[in-house]
Amino acid sequence: MPIFDYRCTECKTHYDVLHKGKEIIEDIQCPTCGSVHYTKLISLPSIVTHGKSSAGCDSHTCEMDKSCCDGACGLN
């Protein structure tokens, strides 16, 4: 089920809408002012990985041996 981001053209509030199927225009209403005038925003998808390099990584380990996470934590 896709979640889309919108910006109200009346009050400039940013909000998101979970569409349970295809996008239904009647479901897109500003939660702040109730307006149905909006701009659909482009957002990046959220990607979560659980690979070998992220298992058991914490900043303390990275600071000690400078090899944790293969640099993924940004400390080395």
PDB file of N, CA and C in Angstrom:
ATOM      1  N   MET A   1       0.843  -1.170   0.000  1.00  0.00           N
ATOM      2  CA  MET A   1       0.000   0.000   0.000  1.00  0.00           C
ATOM      3  C   MET A   1       0.893   1.241   0.000  1.00  0.00           C
ATOM      4  N   PRO A   2       0.792   2.032  -1.024  1.00  0.00           N
ATOM      5  CA  PRO A   2       1.672   3.194  -1.125  1.00  0.00           C
ATOM      6  C   PRO A   2       1.236   4.362  -0.241  1.00  0.00           C
ATOM      7  N   ILE A   3       2.226   5.075   0.249  1.00  0.00           N
ATOM      8  CA  ILE A   3       1.998   6.306   1.002  1.00  0.00           C
ATOM      9  C   ILE A   3       2.550   7.445   0.149  1.00  0.00           C
ATOM     10  N   PHE A   4       1.734   8.450  -0.107  1.00  0.00           N
ATOM     11  CA  PHE A   4       2.138   9.586  -0.912  1.00  0.00           C
ATOM     12  C   PHE A   4       2.173  10.848  -0.057  1.00  0.00           C
ATOM     13  N   ASP A   5       3.122  11.724  -0.369  1.00  0.00           N
ATOM     14  CA  ASP A   5       3.258  12.999   0.333  1.00  0.00           C
ATOM     15  C   ASP A   5       2.593  14.098  -0.482  1.00  0.00           C
ATOM     16  N   TYR A   6       1.938  15.009   0.235  1.00  0.00           N
ATOM     17  CA  TYR A   6       1.237  16.127  -0.390  1.00  0.00           C
ATOM     18  C   TYR A   6       1.539  17.411   0.370  1.00  0.00           C
ATOM     19  N   ARG A   7       1.356  18.551  -0.301  1.00  0.00           N
ATOM     20  CA  ARG A   7       1.442  19.862   0.339  1.00  0.00           C
ATOM     21  C   ARG A   7       0.175  20.622   0.002  1.00  0.00           C
ATOM     22  N   CYS A   8      -0.485  21.114   1.016  1.00  0.00           N
ATOM     23  CA  CYS A   8      -1.710  21.896   0.840  1.00  0.00           C
ATOM     24  C   CYS A   8      -1.357  23.228   0.195  1.00  0.00           C
ATOM     25  N   THR A   9      -2.067  23.594  -0.866  1.00  0.00           N
ATOM     26  CA  THR A   9      -1.798  24.870  -1.524  1.00  0.00           C
ATOM     27  C   THR A   9      -2.454  26.041  -0.784  1.00  0.00           C
ATOM     28  N   GLU A  10      -3.341  25.751   0.158  1.00  0.00           N
ATOM     29  CA  GLU A  10      -4.001  26.810   0.931  1.00  0.00           C
ATOM     30  C   GLU A  10      -3.169  27.220   2.152  1.00  0.00           C
ATOM     31  N   CYS A  11      -2.782  26.231   2.988  1.00  0.00           N
ATOM     32  CA  CYS A  11      -2.080  26.556   4.243  1.00  0.00           C
ATOM     33  C   CYS A  11      -0.628  26.069   4.272  1.00  0.00           C
ATOM     34  N   LYS A  12      -0.169  25.432   3.193  1.00  0.00           N
ATOM     35  CA  LYS A  12       1.225  24.962   3.033  1.00  0.00           C
ATOM     36  C   LYS A  12       1.613  23.825   3.974  1.00  0.00           C
ATOM     37  N   THR A  13       0.650  23.135   4.576  1.00  0.00           N
ATOM     38  CA  THR A  13       0.928  21.991   5.438  1.00  0.00           C
ATOM     39  C   THR A  13       1.382  20.808   4.592  1.00  0.00           C
ATOM     40  N   HIS A  14       2.416  20.098   5.079  1.00  0.00           N
ATOM     41  CA  HIS A  14       2.857  18.862   4.441  1.00  0.00           C
ATOM     42  C   HIS A  14       2.173  17.704   5.158  1.00  0.00           C
ATOM     43  N   TYR A  15       1.631  16.760   4.403  1.00  0.00           N
ATOM     44  CA  TYR A  15       0.963  15.605   5.005  1.00  0.00           C
ATOM     45  C   TYR A  15       1.091  14.418   4.068  1.00  0.00           C
ATOM     46  N   ASP A  16       0.847  13.227   4.604  1.00  0.00           N
ATOM     47  CA  ASP A  16       0.901  12.031   3.778  1.00  0.00           C
ATOM     48  C   ASP A  16      -0.418  11.277   3.857  1.00  0.00           C
ATOM     49  N   VAL A  17      -0.682  10.503   2.809  1.00  0.00           N
ATOM     50  CA  VAL A  17      -1.928   9.750   2.717  1.00  0.00           C
ATOM     51  C   VAL A  17      -1.584   8.315   2.324  1.00  0.00           C
ATOM     52  N   LEU A  18      -2.109   7.366   3.090  1.00  0.00           N
ATOM     53  CA  LEU A  18      -1.969   5.946   2.764  1.00  0.00           C
ATOM     54  C   LEU A  18      -3.117   5.560   1.845  1.00  0.00           C
ATOM     55  N   HIS A  19      -2.791   5.144   0.650  1.00  0.00           N
ATOM     56  CA  HIS A  19      -3.813   4.719  -0.298  1.00  0.00           C
ATOM     57  C   HIS A  19      -3.925   3.197  -0.236  1.00  0.00           C
ATOM     58  N   LYS A  20      -5.120   2.696   0.022  1.00  0.00           N
ATOM     59  CA  LYS A  20      -5.328   1.258   0.189  1.00  0.00           C
ATOM     60  C   LYS A  20      -5.488   0.530  -1.139  1.00  0.00           C
ATOM     61  N   GLY A  21      -5.333   1.202  -2.188  1.00  0.00           N
ATOM     62  CA  GLY A  21      -5.429   0.657  -3.536  1.00  0.00           C
ATOM     63  C   GLY A  21      -4.932   1.724  -4.469  1.00  0.00           C
ATOM     64  N   LYS A  22      -5.711   2.054  -5.451  1.00  0.00           N
ATOM     65  CA  LYS A  22      -5.307   3.167  -6.304  1.00  0.00           C
ATOM     66  C   LYS A  22      -5.634   4.497  -5.638  1.00  0.00           C
ATOM     67  N   GLU A  23      -4.979   5.534  -6.094  1.00  0.00           N
ATOM     68  CA  GLU A  23      -5.159   6.859  -5.517  1.00  0.00           C
ATOM     69  C   GLU A  23      -6.591   7.349  -5.736  1.00  0.00           C
ATOM     70  N   ILE A  24      -7.277   7.682  -4.642  1.00  0.00           N
ATOM     71  CA  ILE A  24      -8.651   8.185  -4.697  1.00  0.00           C
ATOM     72  C   ILE A  24      -8.618   9.653  -4.289  1.00  0.00           C
ATOM     73  N   ILE A  25      -8.988  10.505  -5.203  1.00  0.00           N
ATOM     74  CA  ILE A  25      -8.882  11.953  -4.997  1.00  0.00           C
ATOM     75  C   ILE A  25      -9.682  12.419  -3.784  1.00  0.00           C
ATOM     76  N   GLU A  26     -10.798  11.787  -3.484  1.00  0.00           N
ATOM     77  CA  GLU A  26     -11.614  12.192  -2.337  1.00  0.00           C
ATOM     78  C   GLU A  26     -10.898  11.955  -1.004  1.00  0.00           C
ATOM     79  N   ASP A  27      -9.898  11.066  -0.978  1.00  0.00           N
ATOM     80  CA  ASP A  27      -9.152  10.785   0.251  1.00  0.00           C
ATOM     81  C   ASP A  27      -8.091  11.837   0.544  1.00  0.00           C
ATOM     82  N   ILE A  28      -7.792  12.693  -0.427  1.00  0.00           N
ATOM     83  CA  ILE A  28      -6.705  13.662  -0.287  1.00  0.00           C
ATOM     84  C   ILE A  28      -7.283  14.987   0.197  1.00  0.00           C
ATOM     85  N   GLN A  29      -7.218  15.161   1.518  1.00  0.00           N
ATOM     86  CA  GLN A  29      -7.758  16.364   2.154  1.00  0.00           C
ATOM     87  C   GLN A  29      -6.787  16.804   3.234  1.00  0.00           C
ATOM     88  N   CYS A  30      -6.483  18.080   3.288  1.00  0.00           N
ATOM     89  CA  CYS A  30      -5.539  18.610   4.271  1.00  0.00           C
ATOM     90  C   CYS A  30      -6.072  18.379   5.688  1.00  0.00           C
ATOM     91  N   PRO A  31      -5.267  17.765   6.549  1.00  0.00           N
ATOM     92  CA  PRO A  31      -5.727  17.530   7.921  1.00  0.00           C
ATOM     93  C   PRO A  31      -5.792  18.806   8.760  1.00  0.00           C
ATOM     94  N   THR A  32      -5.128  19.873   8.317  1.00  0.00           N
ATOM     95  CA  THR A  32      -5.107  21.128   9.079  1.00  0.00           C
ATOM     96  C   THR A  32      -6.290  22.026   8.746  1.00  0.00           C
ATOM     97  N   CYS A  33      -6.492  22.281   7.439  1.00  0.00           N
ATOM     98  CA  CYS A  33      -7.538  23.246   7.068  1.00  0.00           C
ATOM     99  C   CYS A  33      -8.706  22.610   6.314  1.00  0.00           C
ATOM    100  N   GLY A  34      -8.582  21.335   5.928  1.00  0.00           N
ATOM    101  CA  GLY A  34      -9.668  20.645   5.239  1.00  0.00           C
ATOM    102  C   GLY A  34      -9.727  20.896   3.742  1.00  0.00           C
ATOM    103  N   SER A  35      -8.762  21.624   3.206  1.00  0.00           N
ATOM    104  CA  SER A  35      -8.749  21.942   1.781  1.00  0.00           C
ATOM    105  C   SER A  35      -8.502  20.688   0.934  1.00  0.00           C
ATOM    106  N   VAL A  36      -9.059  20.682  -0.254  1.00  0.00           N
ATOM    107  CA  VAL A  36      -8.817  19.599  -1.197  1.00  0.00           C
ATOM    108  C   VAL A  36      -7.894  20.065  -2.330  1.00  0.00           C
ATOM    109  N   HIS A  37      -7.257  21.208  -2.145  1.00  0.00           N
ATOM    110  CA  HIS A  37      -6.302  21.741  -3.115  1.00  0.00           C
ATOM    111  C   HIS A  37      -4.905  21.391  -2.638  1.00  0.00           C
ATOM    112  N   TYR A  38      -4.149  20.680  -3.466  1.00  0.00           N
ATOM    113  CA  TYR A  38      -2.870  20.149  -3.023  1.00  0.00           C
ATOM    114  C   TYR A  38      -1.889  20.040  -4.194  1.00  0.00           C
ATOM    115  N   THR A  39      -0.632  19.835  -3.818  1.00  0.00           N
ATOM    116  CA  THR A  39       0.427  19.495  -4.756  1.00  0.00           C
ATOM    117  C   THR A  39       0.999  18.169  -4.304  1.00  0.00           C
ATOM    118  N   LYS A  40       1.116  17.225  -5.205  1.00  0.00           N
ATOM    119  CA  LYS A  40       1.710  15.937  -4.881  1.00  0.00           C
ATOM    120  C   LYS A  40       3.221  16.095  -4.904  1.00  0.00           C
ATOM    121  N   LEU A  41       3.883  15.647  -3.842  1.00  0.00           N
ATOM    122  CA  LEU A  41       5.319  15.801  -3.705  1.00  0.00           C
ATOM    123  C   LEU A  41       6.044  14.518  -4.108  1.00  0.00           C
ATOM    124  N   ILE A  42       7.259  14.677  -4.559  1.00  0.00           N
ATOM    125  CA  ILE A  42       8.102  13.529  -4.888  1.00  0.00           C
ATOM    126  C   ILE A  42       9.006  13.281  -3.692  1.00  0.00           C
ATOM    127  N   SER A  43       9.028  12.056  -3.201  1.00  0.00           N
ATOM    128  CA  SER A  43       9.881  11.718  -2.069  1.00  0.00           C
ATOM    129  C   SER A  43      10.658  10.453  -2.375  1.00  0.00           C
ATOM    130  N   LEU A  44      11.781  10.290  -1.693  1.00  0.00           N
ATOM    131  CA  LEU A  44      12.614   9.115  -1.884  1.00  0.00           C
ATOM    132  C   LEU A  44      12.044   7.940  -1.105  1.00  0.00           C
ATOM    133  N   PRO A  45      12.185   6.739  -1.634  1.00  0.00           N
ATOM    134  CA  PRO A  45      11.707   5.572  -0.888  1.00  0.00           C
ATOM    135  C   PRO A  45      12.611   5.286   0.304  1.00  0.00           C
ATOM    136  N   SER A  46      12.049   4.704   1.316  1.00  0.00           N
ATOM    137  CA  SER A  46      12.814   4.301   2.488  1.00  0.00           C
ATOM    138  C   SER A  46      13.319   2.886   2.262  1.00  0.00           C
ATOM    139  N   ILE A  47      14.649   2.710   2.350  1.00  0.00           N
ATOM    140  CA  ILE A  47      15.245   1.401   2.115  1.00  0.00           C
ATOM    141  C   ILE A  47      15.967   0.976   3.383  1.00  0.00           C
ATOM    142  N   VAL A  48      15.634  -0.213   3.881  1.00  0.00           N
ATOM    143  CA  VAL A  48      16.260  -0.754   5.077  1.00  0.00           C
ATOM    144  C   VAL A  48      16.991  -2.023   4.686  1.00  0.00           C
ATOM    145  N   THR A  49      18.276  -2.096   5.027  1.00  0.00           N
ATOM    146  CA  THR A  49      19.044  -3.305   4.733  1.00  0.00           C
ATOM    147  C   THR A  49      19.504  -3.940   6.029  1.00  0.00           C
ATOM    148  N   HIS A  50      19.586  -5.227   6.010  1.00  0.00           N
ATOM    149  CA  HIS A  50      20.066  -5.980   7.165  1.00  0.00           C
ATOM    150  C   HIS A  50      21.118  -6.967   6.685  1.00  0.00           C
ATOM    151  N   GLY A  51      22.187  -6.442   6.143  1.00  0.00           N
ATOM    152  CA  GLY A  51      23.256  -7.278   5.623  1.00  0.00           C
ATOM    153  C   GLY A  51      24.290  -7.579   6.678  1.00  0.00           C
ATOM    154  N   LYS A  52      25.323  -8.310   6.276  1.00  0.00           N
ATOM    155  CA  LYS A  52      26.384  -8.710   7.183  1.00  0.00           C
ATOM    156  C   LYS A  52      27.123  -7.502   7.760  1.00  0.00           C
ATOM    157  N   SER A  53      27.265  -6.441   6.972  1.00  0.00           N
ATOM    158  CA  SER A  53      28.033  -5.289   7.430  1.00  0.00           C
ATOM    159  C   SER A  53      27.340  -4.486   8.521  1.00  0.00           C
ATOM    160  N   SER A  54      26.001  -4.597   8.663  1.00  0.00           N
ATOM    161  CA  SER A  54      25.317  -3.819   9.687  1.00  0.00           C
ATOM    162  C   SER A  54      25.037  -4.608  10.956  1.00  0.00           C
ATOM    163  N   ALA A  55      25.284  -5.904  10.955  1.00  0.00           N
ATOM    164  CA  ALA A  55      24.987  -6.732  12.127  1.00  0.00           C
ATOM    165  C   ALA A  55      25.981  -6.458  13.242  1.00  0.00           C
ATOM    166  N   GLY A  56      25.472  -6.154  14.417  1.00  0.00           N
ATOM    167  CA  GLY A  56      26.316  -5.972  15.588  1.00  0.00           C
ATOM    168  C   GLY A  56      27.174  -4.720  15.545  1.00  0.00           C
ATOM    169  N   CYS A  57      26.856  -3.779  14.737  1.00  0.00           N
ATOM    170  CA  CYS A  57      27.660  -2.570  14.628  1.00  0.00           C
ATOM    171  C   CYS A  57      27.179  -1.536  15.639  1.00  0.00           C
ATOM    172  N   ASP A  58      28.111  -0.942  16.342  1.00  0.00           N
ATOM    173  CA  ASP A  58      27.790   0.199  17.172  1.00  0.00           C
ATOM    174  C   ASP A  58      28.976   1.148  17.175  1.00  0.00           C
ATOM    175  N   SER A  59      28.772   2.362  17.609  1.00  0.00           N
ATOM    176  CA  SER A  59      29.835   3.363  17.532  1.00  0.00           C
ATOM    177  C   SER A  59      31.018   3.013  18.412  1.00  0.00           C
ATOM    178  N   HIS A  60      30.793   2.335  19.533  1.00  0.00           N
ATOM    179  CA  HIS A  60      31.889   1.967  20.428  1.00  0.00           C
ATOM    180  C   HIS A  60      32.841   0.999  19.726  1.00  0.00           C
ATOM    181  N   THR A  61      32.305  -0.008  19.051  1.00  0.00           N
ATOM    182  CA  THR A  61      33.131  -0.973  18.327  1.00  0.00           C
ATOM    183  C   THR A  61      33.903  -0.274  17.217  1.00  0.00           C
ATOM    184  N   CYS A  62      33.270   0.613  16.486  1.00  0.00           N
ATOM    185  CA  CYS A  62      33.938   1.327  15.403  1.00  0.00           C
ATOM    186  C   CYS A  62      35.086   2.177  15.925  1.00  0.00           C
ATOM    187  N   GLU A  63      34.886   2.825  17.055  1.00  0.00           N
ATOM    188  CA  GLU A  63      35.934   3.673  17.611  1.00  0.00           C
ATOM    189  C   GLU A  63      37.125   2.855  18.071  1.00  0.00           C
ATOM    190  N   MET A  64      36.870   1.623  18.533  1.00  0.00           N
ATOM    191  CA  MET A  64      37.961   0.805  19.060  1.00  0.00           C
ATOM    192  C   MET A  64      38.815   0.184  17.960  1.00  0.00           C
ATOM    193  N   ASP A  65      38.193  -0.479  16.990  1.00  0.00           N
ATOM    194  CA  ASP A  65      39.012  -1.204  16.014  1.00  0.00           C
ATOM    195  C   ASP A  65      38.975  -0.625  14.606  1.00  0.00           C
ATOM    196  N   LYS A  66      38.204   0.424  14.378  1.00  0.00           N
ATOM    197  CA  LYS A  66      38.124   1.121  13.089  1.00  0.00           C
ATOM    198  C   LYS A  66      37.810   0.199  11.918  1.00  0.00           C
ATOM    199  N   SER A  67      37.165  -0.954  12.178  1.00  0.00           N
ATOM    200  CA  SER A  67      36.859  -1.855  11.075  1.00  0.00           C
ATOM    201  C   SER A  67      35.384  -2.246  11.020  1.00  0.00           C
ATOM    202  N   CYS A  68      34.622  -1.887  12.011  1.00  0.00           N
ATOM    203  CA  CYS A  68      33.215  -2.240  12.063  1.00  0.00           C
ATOM    204  C   CYS A  68      32.473  -1.603  10.898  1.00  0.00           C
ATOM    205  N   CYS A  69      31.499  -2.275  10.359  1.00  0.00           N
ATOM    206  CA  CYS A  69      30.554  -1.756   9.377  1.00  0.00           C
ATOM    207  C   CYS A  69      31.171  -1.453   8.014  1.00  0.00           C
ATOM    208  N   ASP A  70      32.421  -1.726   7.824  1.00  0.00           N
ATOM    209  CA  ASP A  70      33.076  -1.394   6.551  1.00  0.00           C
ATOM    210  C   ASP A  70      32.884   0.061   6.195  1.00  0.00           C
ATOM    211  N   GLY A  71      32.856   0.929   7.197  1.00  0.00           N
ATOM    212  CA  GLY A  71      32.694   2.359   6.971  1.00  0.00           C
ATOM    213  C   GLY A  71      31.255   2.826   6.899  1.00  0.00           C
ATOM    214  N   ALA A  72      30.286   1.915   7.012  1.00  0.00           N
ATOM    215  CA  ALA A  72      28.881   2.279   6.868  1.00  0.00           C
ATOM    216  C   ALA A  72      28.387   3.181   7.984  1.00  0.00           C
ATOM    217  N   CYS A  73      29.033   3.131   9.148  1.00  0.00           N
ATOM    218  CA  CYS A  73      28.568   3.949  10.266  1.00  0.00           C
ATOM    219  C   CYS A  73      29.074   5.383  10.178  1.00  0.00           C
ATOM    220  N   GLY A  74      30.034   5.641   9.297  1.00  0.00           N
ATOM    221  CA  GLY A  74      30.538   6.990   9.118  1.00  0.00           C
ATOM    222  C   GLY A  74      31.633   7.366  10.100  1.00  0.00           C
ATOM    223  N   LEU A  75      32.008   6.474  10.998  1.00  0.00           N
ATOM    224  CA  LEU A  75      33.070   6.790  11.971  1.00  0.00           C
ATOM    225  C   LEU A  75      34.456   6.425  11.465  1.00  0.00           C
ATOM    226  N   ASN A  76      34.548   5.607  10.432  1.00  0.00           N
ATOM    227  CA  ASN A  76      35.879   5.243   9.925  1.00  0.00           C
ATOM    228  C   ASN A  76      35.971   5.425   8.447  1.00  0.00           C
TER     229      ASN A  76
END
